Protein backbone atom coordinates (compact mmCIF):
# COMPACT_ATOMS: atom_id res chain seq x y z
CA MET A 1 11.34 -40.67 -46.23
CA VAL A 2 10.38 -43.15 -49.35
CA SER A 3 10.16 -46.96 -48.88
CA SER A 4 11.50 -48.84 -51.16
CA GLN A 5 11.94 -53.19 -51.75
CA LEU A 6 12.98 -55.03 -53.80
CA GLU A 7 11.59 -58.32 -55.06
CA LEU A 8 14.41 -60.54 -55.62
CA GLY A 9 14.38 -64.66 -56.38
CA GLN A 10 16.49 -67.44 -54.44
CA SER A 11 19.08 -66.98 -57.33
CA SER A 12 19.73 -63.21 -55.99
CA LYS A 13 21.81 -64.32 -53.44
CA SER A 14 24.39 -65.98 -54.96
CA HIS A 15 24.58 -63.57 -57.49
CA LEU A 16 25.10 -61.09 -54.43
CA ASP A 17 27.99 -63.46 -52.93
CA GLY A 18 29.15 -62.69 -56.03
CA PHE A 19 29.58 -59.36 -55.67
CA LEU A 20 30.85 -59.24 -52.43
CA ALA A 21 33.40 -61.32 -53.42
CA ARG A 22 35.04 -59.69 -56.18
CA TYR A 23 34.56 -56.01 -54.38
CA ARG A 24 36.72 -57.67 -51.32
CA LEU A 25 39.17 -59.31 -54.09
CA GLN A 26 39.74 -54.72 -55.54
CA HIS A 27 39.24 -52.71 -52.92
CA ASN A 28 40.94 -52.50 -49.78
CA GLU A 29 40.10 -50.45 -46.47
CA ASP A 30 40.54 -47.34 -47.72
CA MET A 31 38.38 -47.21 -51.08
CA GLN A 32 39.36 -44.77 -53.45
CA ASP A 33 36.59 -44.56 -55.62
CA GLY A 34 33.87 -43.67 -52.88
CA ILE A 35 32.31 -46.39 -51.39
CA ASN A 36 33.05 -47.28 -47.51
CA TYR A 37 31.66 -50.57 -46.86
CA ILE A 38 28.60 -52.15 -48.36
CA LEU A 39 26.40 -54.41 -45.68
CA VAL A 40 23.69 -56.70 -45.73
CA LEU A 41 21.23 -56.11 -42.19
CA ASP A 42 18.47 -59.09 -41.18
CA ALA A 43 16.10 -58.56 -39.23
CA SER A 44 17.66 -59.22 -35.91
CA GLY A 45 20.23 -56.72 -36.98
CA ARG A 46 22.99 -58.75 -37.87
CA ILE A 47 25.45 -58.42 -40.35
CA VAL A 48 24.97 -61.91 -42.65
CA MET A 49 27.83 -60.33 -45.86
CA GLY A 50 29.03 -57.35 -46.24
CA SER A 51 32.21 -55.58 -47.89
CA ARG A 52 34.33 -55.76 -44.79
CA ARG A 53 35.08 -58.76 -43.88
CA ALA A 54 35.79 -57.88 -39.79
CA TRP A 55 31.88 -57.59 -39.39
CA ASP A 56 31.01 -60.16 -40.45
CA GLY A 57 28.41 -61.81 -37.96
CA LEU A 58 28.30 -58.82 -35.26
CA SER A 59 25.33 -57.12 -35.16
CA VAL A 60 24.87 -53.46 -36.08
CA VAL A 61 24.29 -52.38 -32.14
CA ASP A 62 28.03 -54.25 -31.52
CA PRO A 63 30.19 -51.79 -29.25
CA LEU A 64 32.87 -52.30 -32.21
CA LEU A 65 30.70 -51.19 -35.11
CA SER A 66 29.05 -47.49 -32.51
CA ARG A 67 32.39 -46.60 -31.65
CA THR A 68 33.59 -46.67 -35.73
CA GLU A 69 30.39 -44.91 -36.87
CA THR A 70 29.70 -42.62 -33.89
CA ASN A 71 29.52 -39.34 -35.96
CA ASP A 72 27.10 -41.22 -39.02
CA GLU A 73 23.66 -39.89 -38.07
CA VAL A 74 22.06 -42.52 -40.60
CA PHE A 75 23.34 -45.26 -38.53
CA ALA A 76 23.09 -44.34 -35.58
CA GLN A 77 19.16 -44.54 -36.18
CA ILE A 78 19.04 -47.92 -38.09
CA ARG A 79 21.30 -49.09 -34.70
CA ASP A 80 19.34 -47.62 -32.32
CA CYS A 81 16.26 -49.24 -34.26
CA PHE A 82 17.27 -52.21 -33.78
CA ALA A 83 18.57 -51.70 -30.06
CA SER A 84 15.14 -50.54 -29.04
CA SER A 85 13.85 -53.38 -30.52
CA SER A 86 12.84 -56.97 -29.54
CA VAL A 87 14.79 -59.54 -31.47
CA THR A 88 11.66 -61.86 -31.24
CA SER A 89 9.03 -59.20 -32.03
CA SER A 90 7.78 -58.07 -35.47
CA GLN A 91 8.66 -54.41 -34.42
CA SER A 92 12.46 -55.22 -35.45
CA LEU A 93 10.95 -55.27 -39.08
CA SER A 94 10.00 -52.04 -39.02
CA CYS A 95 13.47 -51.24 -38.85
CA LEU A 96 13.93 -52.75 -42.02
CA ARG A 97 12.75 -49.34 -44.12
CA THR A 98 14.96 -46.69 -46.24
CA HIS A 99 16.63 -45.14 -44.32
CA SER A 100 18.62 -41.45 -45.42
CA GLY A 101 19.36 -38.00 -44.18
CA LEU A 102 20.75 -34.82 -44.99
CA TYR A 103 23.29 -35.19 -47.79
CA PHE A 104 26.23 -32.59 -47.22
CA PRO A 105 29.09 -32.52 -50.15
CA THR A 106 31.36 -31.57 -47.58
CA ALA A 107 30.66 -34.59 -45.10
CA GLU A 108 33.60 -37.72 -44.02
CA SER A 109 30.58 -40.05 -45.07
CA TYR A 110 27.05 -40.89 -45.58
CA THR A 111 24.83 -43.78 -45.08
CA LEU A 112 22.03 -44.88 -47.37
CA GLY A 113 19.73 -47.60 -46.26
CA LEU A 114 17.66 -49.40 -48.88
CA PRO A 115 15.65 -52.75 -48.04
CA PHE A 116 14.78 -55.72 -49.77
CA ARG A 117 13.20 -59.20 -49.89
CA ILE A 118 14.41 -62.65 -50.89
CA SER A 119 11.68 -64.76 -51.72
CA GLY A 120 12.22 -68.10 -50.81
CA ARG A 121 9.26 -71.01 -51.48
CA ASP A 122 8.00 -70.57 -48.17
CA ARG A 123 7.36 -67.43 -48.35
CA SER A 124 8.44 -66.49 -44.97
CA GLU A 125 8.99 -62.69 -44.14
CA ASP A 126 11.09 -62.85 -40.74
CA ASN A 127 13.90 -64.77 -42.56
CA LYS A 128 13.48 -62.76 -46.15
CA ALA A 129 13.32 -59.60 -45.33
CA TYR A 130 17.14 -57.85 -45.01
CA LEU A 131 18.61 -53.95 -45.21
CA VAL A 132 21.34 -52.93 -47.65
CA LEU A 133 24.04 -50.30 -45.98
CA VAL A 134 26.30 -48.63 -48.62
CA ASN A 135 28.39 -46.10 -46.82
CA PHE A 136 29.93 -43.69 -49.64
CA ASP A 137 32.44 -40.70 -49.35
CA PRO A 138 30.11 -37.57 -50.24
CA SER A 139 32.79 -35.38 -51.72
CA ILE A 140 34.71 -38.40 -53.72
CA ALA A 141 30.66 -39.02 -55.13
CA SER A 142 29.89 -35.62 -56.25
CA GLY A 143 33.84 -33.74 -56.27
CA GLN A 144 33.10 -33.81 -60.56
CA LEU A 145 30.06 -32.23 -60.37
CA GLY A 146 31.67 -29.65 -57.93
CA TRP A 147 34.11 -28.67 -60.92
CA GLU A 148 31.41 -28.55 -62.73
CA LEU A 149 29.85 -26.19 -60.57
CA LEU A 150 32.72 -24.50 -60.08
CA SER A 151 33.47 -23.99 -63.92
CA LEU A 152 29.54 -22.79 -64.43
CA LEU A 153 30.32 -19.91 -61.74
CA VAL A 154 33.60 -18.97 -63.05
CA ILE A 155 32.06 -18.91 -66.68
CA SER A 156 29.33 -17.34 -65.71
CA ILE A 157 31.20 -14.89 -63.40
CA LEU A 158 33.53 -13.19 -66.69
CA TYR A 159 30.01 -13.91 -69.06
CA VAL A 160 28.69 -11.16 -66.53
CA THR A 161 31.36 -9.68 -66.45
CA SER A 162 32.64 -8.79 -70.10
CA VAL A 163 28.89 -8.04 -71.15
CA LEU A 164 28.78 -5.44 -67.86
CA GLY A 165 31.95 -3.96 -69.20
CA LEU A 166 30.83 -3.98 -73.03
CA LEU A 167 27.35 -1.74 -71.68
CA ALA A 168 29.86 0.16 -69.98
CA LEU A 169 31.81 0.76 -72.85
CA LEU A 170 28.85 1.75 -74.65
CA LEU A 171 27.52 3.61 -72.59
CA TYR A 172 30.73 5.70 -71.56
CA ARG A 173 30.65 6.32 -75.25
CA SER A 174 27.65 8.12 -76.02
CA LEU A 175 27.10 9.77 -72.54
CA LEU A 176 30.53 11.13 -72.72
CA PRO A 177 29.70 13.71 -75.60
CA ALA A 178 26.73 14.99 -74.19
CA VAL A 179 28.91 14.97 -70.82
CA ARG A 180 31.24 16.56 -71.87
CA SER A 181 29.22 19.55 -74.02
CA PHE A 182 27.40 19.86 -70.95
CA ALA A 183 30.56 21.09 -68.62
CA GLU A 184 32.74 23.17 -71.37
CA VAL A 185 30.05 24.31 -73.72
CA ASP A 186 27.15 27.88 -72.66
CA ASP A 187 23.72 26.09 -72.67
CA LEU A 188 22.68 29.85 -73.50
CA THR A 189 25.00 30.43 -76.08
CA GLY A 190 26.57 27.60 -77.62
CA LEU A 191 29.88 29.54 -77.00
CA MET A 192 32.91 27.44 -74.67
CA ASN A 193 32.43 28.53 -70.76
CA ARG A 194 34.55 29.93 -68.23
CA ARG A 195 36.37 27.54 -67.20
CA SER A 196 36.55 25.58 -70.68
CA CYS A 197 38.11 28.56 -72.03
CA MET A 198 40.16 29.11 -68.96
CA ASP A 199 42.26 25.95 -69.39
CA LEU A 200 41.91 25.91 -73.08
CA ALA A 201 43.94 29.24 -72.90
CA ILE A 202 46.36 28.43 -70.87
CA ARG A 203 47.27 25.75 -72.91
CA LEU A 204 47.33 27.82 -76.13
CA LEU A 205 50.13 30.54 -74.05
CA ALA A 206 52.34 27.95 -73.47
CA GLN A 207 52.38 26.57 -76.80
CA GLY A 208 52.92 30.22 -77.79
CA GLU A 209 55.34 31.05 -75.87
CA LYS A 210 57.19 27.47 -76.42
CA ASP A 211 56.94 28.84 -80.22
CA ASN A 212 57.55 32.45 -80.00
CA LEU A 213 54.49 33.63 -81.06
CA PRO A 214 52.38 36.24 -80.06
CA TYR A 215 48.91 35.87 -79.16
CA ILE A 216 46.27 38.44 -78.26
CA LEU A 217 43.82 38.93 -75.58
CA ALA A 218 40.61 41.00 -75.37
CA ILE A 219 38.05 41.26 -72.93
CA LEU A 220 34.72 41.75 -74.47
CA ASP A 221 31.10 43.37 -72.63
CA LEU A 222 27.90 44.46 -74.05
CA ASP A 223 27.00 48.42 -73.62
CA HIS A 224 23.87 49.60 -71.55
CA PHE A 225 22.89 45.44 -71.64
CA LYS A 226 20.84 46.21 -68.11
CA ALA A 227 18.78 48.75 -69.64
CA ILE A 228 17.42 46.40 -72.40
CA ASN A 229 16.73 43.36 -70.16
CA ASP A 230 14.85 46.00 -67.72
CA THR A 231 13.08 47.71 -70.78
CA TYR A 232 12.27 44.10 -73.35
CA GLY A 233 12.47 41.21 -70.06
CA HIS A 234 15.33 38.75 -70.07
CA GLN A 235 14.01 37.00 -72.65
CA CYS A 236 14.80 39.83 -74.70
CA GLY A 237 18.07 39.59 -73.46
CA ASP A 238 18.79 35.75 -73.87
CA PHE A 239 18.11 36.66 -77.58
CA VAL A 240 20.27 39.81 -77.90
CA LEU A 241 23.21 37.47 -76.16
CA ARG A 242 22.15 34.62 -78.82
CA GLU A 243 22.60 36.94 -81.90
CA VAL A 244 26.04 38.73 -80.37
CA SER A 245 27.33 35.15 -80.07
CA ASN A 246 26.59 34.61 -83.74
CA ALA A 247 27.71 37.10 -84.95
CA LEU A 248 30.78 37.29 -83.15
CA THR A 249 31.68 33.84 -83.87
CA ARG A 250 30.98 35.11 -87.76
CA SER A 251 33.78 37.40 -87.64
CA LEU A 252 36.45 35.17 -86.30
CA HIS A 253 38.68 32.39 -87.57
CA GLY A 254 38.18 28.95 -86.81
CA THR A 255 41.24 28.70 -84.86
CA ASP A 256 40.42 31.84 -82.38
CA LEU A 257 39.69 31.71 -79.18
CA LEU A 258 36.48 32.84 -78.03
CA ALA A 259 34.00 32.06 -75.32
CA ARG A 260 31.15 33.86 -72.94
CA LEU A 261 32.71 34.79 -69.29
CA GLY A 262 29.64 35.64 -67.72
CA GLY A 263 26.59 37.82 -68.12
CA GLU A 264 26.64 40.42 -71.04
CA GLU A 265 30.98 39.44 -71.08
CA PHE A 266 33.02 37.74 -73.51
CA ILE A 267 36.22 36.92 -73.69
CA VAL A 268 38.51 36.13 -77.38
CA MET A 269 42.05 34.78 -77.26
CA ALA A 270 43.95 35.11 -81.06
CA GLN A 271 47.09 34.35 -82.80
CA CYS A 272 48.03 37.21 -84.01
CA SER A 273 50.82 40.72 -83.44
CA SER A 274 49.50 43.36 -81.72
CA ALA A 275 49.06 45.97 -84.83
CA HIS A 276 46.84 42.75 -86.89
CA ALA A 277 44.53 42.64 -83.20
CA LEU A 278 43.20 46.04 -83.97
CA LEU A 279 41.76 45.40 -87.26
CA VAL A 280 40.31 42.19 -86.09
CA MET A 281 38.85 43.77 -82.64
CA GLU A 282 37.39 46.22 -84.77
CA ARG A 283 36.06 44.06 -86.99
CA LEU A 284 34.06 42.37 -84.05
CA ARG A 285 32.58 46.09 -82.91
CA SER A 286 31.24 47.42 -86.29
CA GLU A 287 29.48 44.04 -86.79
CA VAL A 288 27.52 43.55 -83.36
CA GLU A 289 26.79 47.73 -83.84
CA LEU A 290 25.75 47.13 -87.56
CA LEU A 291 23.63 43.98 -86.11
CA LYS A 292 20.96 45.86 -85.40
CA PRO A 293 18.32 43.03 -83.65
CA GLN A 294 15.36 43.22 -83.70
CA TRP A 295 12.05 41.79 -80.75
CA GLU A 296 8.74 42.13 -81.16
CA GLY A 297 8.42 44.49 -83.84
CA ARG A 298 11.36 47.31 -82.32
CA THR A 299 15.00 47.46 -83.36
CA MET A 300 17.81 47.52 -80.83
CA ASN A 301 21.06 49.26 -80.55
CA VAL A 302 24.01 47.00 -79.61
CA THR A 303 27.54 47.98 -79.19
CA LEU A 304 30.84 46.53 -77.80
CA SER A 305 32.88 48.13 -75.28
CA ILE A 306 36.49 46.02 -75.78
CA GLY A 307 39.22 45.63 -73.45
CA LEU A 308 42.83 44.65 -75.49
CA THR A 309 46.08 42.98 -74.86
CA SER A 310 48.98 40.99 -75.97
CA THR A 311 51.40 39.14 -75.66
CA GLU A 312 53.73 41.24 -77.31
CA GLN A 313 53.63 43.53 -74.33
CA LEU A 314 52.96 41.89 -70.95
CA GLY A 315 54.11 38.14 -71.92
CA TYR A 316 52.45 34.58 -71.97
CA ASN A 317 50.64 34.61 -68.65
CA LEU A 318 47.17 34.33 -68.63
CA ASN A 319 46.11 35.77 -64.84
CA HIS A 320 47.99 39.34 -65.98
CA LEU A 321 46.83 39.51 -69.42
CA TYR A 322 43.41 39.03 -67.74
CA ALA A 323 43.52 41.97 -65.08
CA GLN A 324 45.56 44.06 -68.07
CA ALA A 325 43.05 43.47 -70.86
CA ASP A 326 39.72 43.76 -67.80
CA ALA A 327 41.67 47.23 -66.61
CA ALA A 328 41.43 48.56 -70.32
CA LEU A 329 37.38 47.52 -70.86
CA TYR A 330 37.18 49.79 -67.69
CA ARG A 331 38.83 52.36 -69.28
CA ALA A 332 37.35 51.97 -72.27
CA LYS A 333 33.38 52.24 -69.99
CA ASP A 334 35.00 55.32 -68.52
CA GLN A 335 35.75 57.44 -72.02
CA GLY A 336 32.01 56.62 -73.36
CA ARG A 337 31.55 52.85 -74.98
CA ASN A 338 31.69 51.32 -78.05
CA ARG A 339 35.51 51.64 -78.56
CA ILE A 340 38.57 49.93 -77.71
CA CYS A 341 40.93 50.22 -75.50
CA TRP A 342 44.11 48.63 -74.97
CA SER A 343 46.43 47.37 -72.08
CA SER A 344 48.94 50.04 -70.95
CA SER A 345 47.84 52.84 -72.87
CA ALA A 346 47.62 56.23 -72.47
CA GLU A 347 45.91 58.44 -75.37
CA GLY A 348 46.03 55.67 -77.76
CA ASP A 349 49.68 55.71 -77.80
CA MET A 350 51.06 52.12 -76.85
CA MET A 351 52.66 51.66 -73.80
CA VAL A 352 55.50 49.22 -73.30
CA ASP A 353 55.66 48.16 -69.05
CA PRO A 354 59.03 48.25 -67.88
CA TRP A 355 59.36 44.73 -66.92
CA ALA A 356 57.30 43.30 -69.64
CA PRO A 357 58.49 40.13 -70.47
CA GLY A 358 57.08 41.10 -74.75
CA ARG A 359 59.36 43.49 -74.56
CA VAL A 360 62.48 40.76 -74.54
CA TRP A 361 60.63 39.67 -77.69
CA ARG A 362 60.19 42.57 -79.51
CA SER A 363 64.23 43.94 -78.97
CA SER A 364 65.17 40.37 -80.74
CA PHE A 365 64.40 42.22 -84.37
CA ALA A 366 67.57 44.16 -85.08
CA PRO A 367 65.88 47.57 -87.09
CA ILE A 368 67.07 46.89 -90.91
CA GLU A 369 69.83 50.25 -91.62
CA PRO A 370 68.82 51.38 -95.07
CA LEU A 371 71.22 51.34 -97.96
CA ASP A 372 71.65 54.35 -98.66
CA SER A 373 72.47 55.30 -95.16
CA ARG A 374 75.53 52.62 -94.92
CA THR A 375 79.16 54.45 -95.59
CA ASP A 376 82.05 53.01 -96.84
CA PRO A 377 84.86 52.79 -94.80
């Protein structure tokens, strides 16, 4: 505890009397500026002057003051000090020291005791030592500080939130392409993977049905690919898959859908008629057949088997189109590989399932009767 004393001249007492008089005129007992009262105690613990006129002349140990300030810890320390000291002994002077306690801004009141001396001509210590008690309301005194701290806290939260939001946005924009690429692209060939391909195929077929446009769907499988892995190793097999993927990409339009289903299987979906589908698939088959990839000085023959179907035959249900194309692929394998097989076909002639929705689409085109076959009525 830091002790402080003020050395004042004789005229200071009159100045203090004037200050307290003005304080009584300007403030009432319910003071709104944070100061509850100011008291001056002499060495005996008697209130020689104060802002509360009713307390003038009372001792600090008076029951009236004890009941009023029962929750004030600092006031209780001062009261107990004078109560335990003899009035005539020098021990009471030990009570005239700096008194303070733990400061809580939310407390009802806080008392601060500061000693001072009034120097007289006789330099008598017993009658010239005093203790000034100032009691104030911490909530009022620190109200402005509280608002400033609250404002600073709110501004800090807003600033931190803005910075974190900006960082999250930048991180999202920088990572989104990488995450999307990881989720949608086959890491070996760079083509679209199975899941993203199926999602896009469903949307394309739905739009095609709405616009009444035909689509083809084909499943492509490399012939004897297991033999390539067994003979040359899996690194060679990966090399062949990348070469075939590049060849297929070069042979298709940018609007055509090409994806790797997994292993050595690929899928192609394009917006074209059934008649044009054979030209597209033959171009893919011949492009792969002429590829002749080389691995460690060895030239390999790579061929494709293709199962093909069309919405003109089977409608726009992806599951049904995929199942029929897969069945056609197995027929191409059984018939010797390196060929194209239509779904629901027999000996190369296209057949239409009686229930197929595509039949309604084709029947909407009425045949044009030749002019020379018309007869006048």
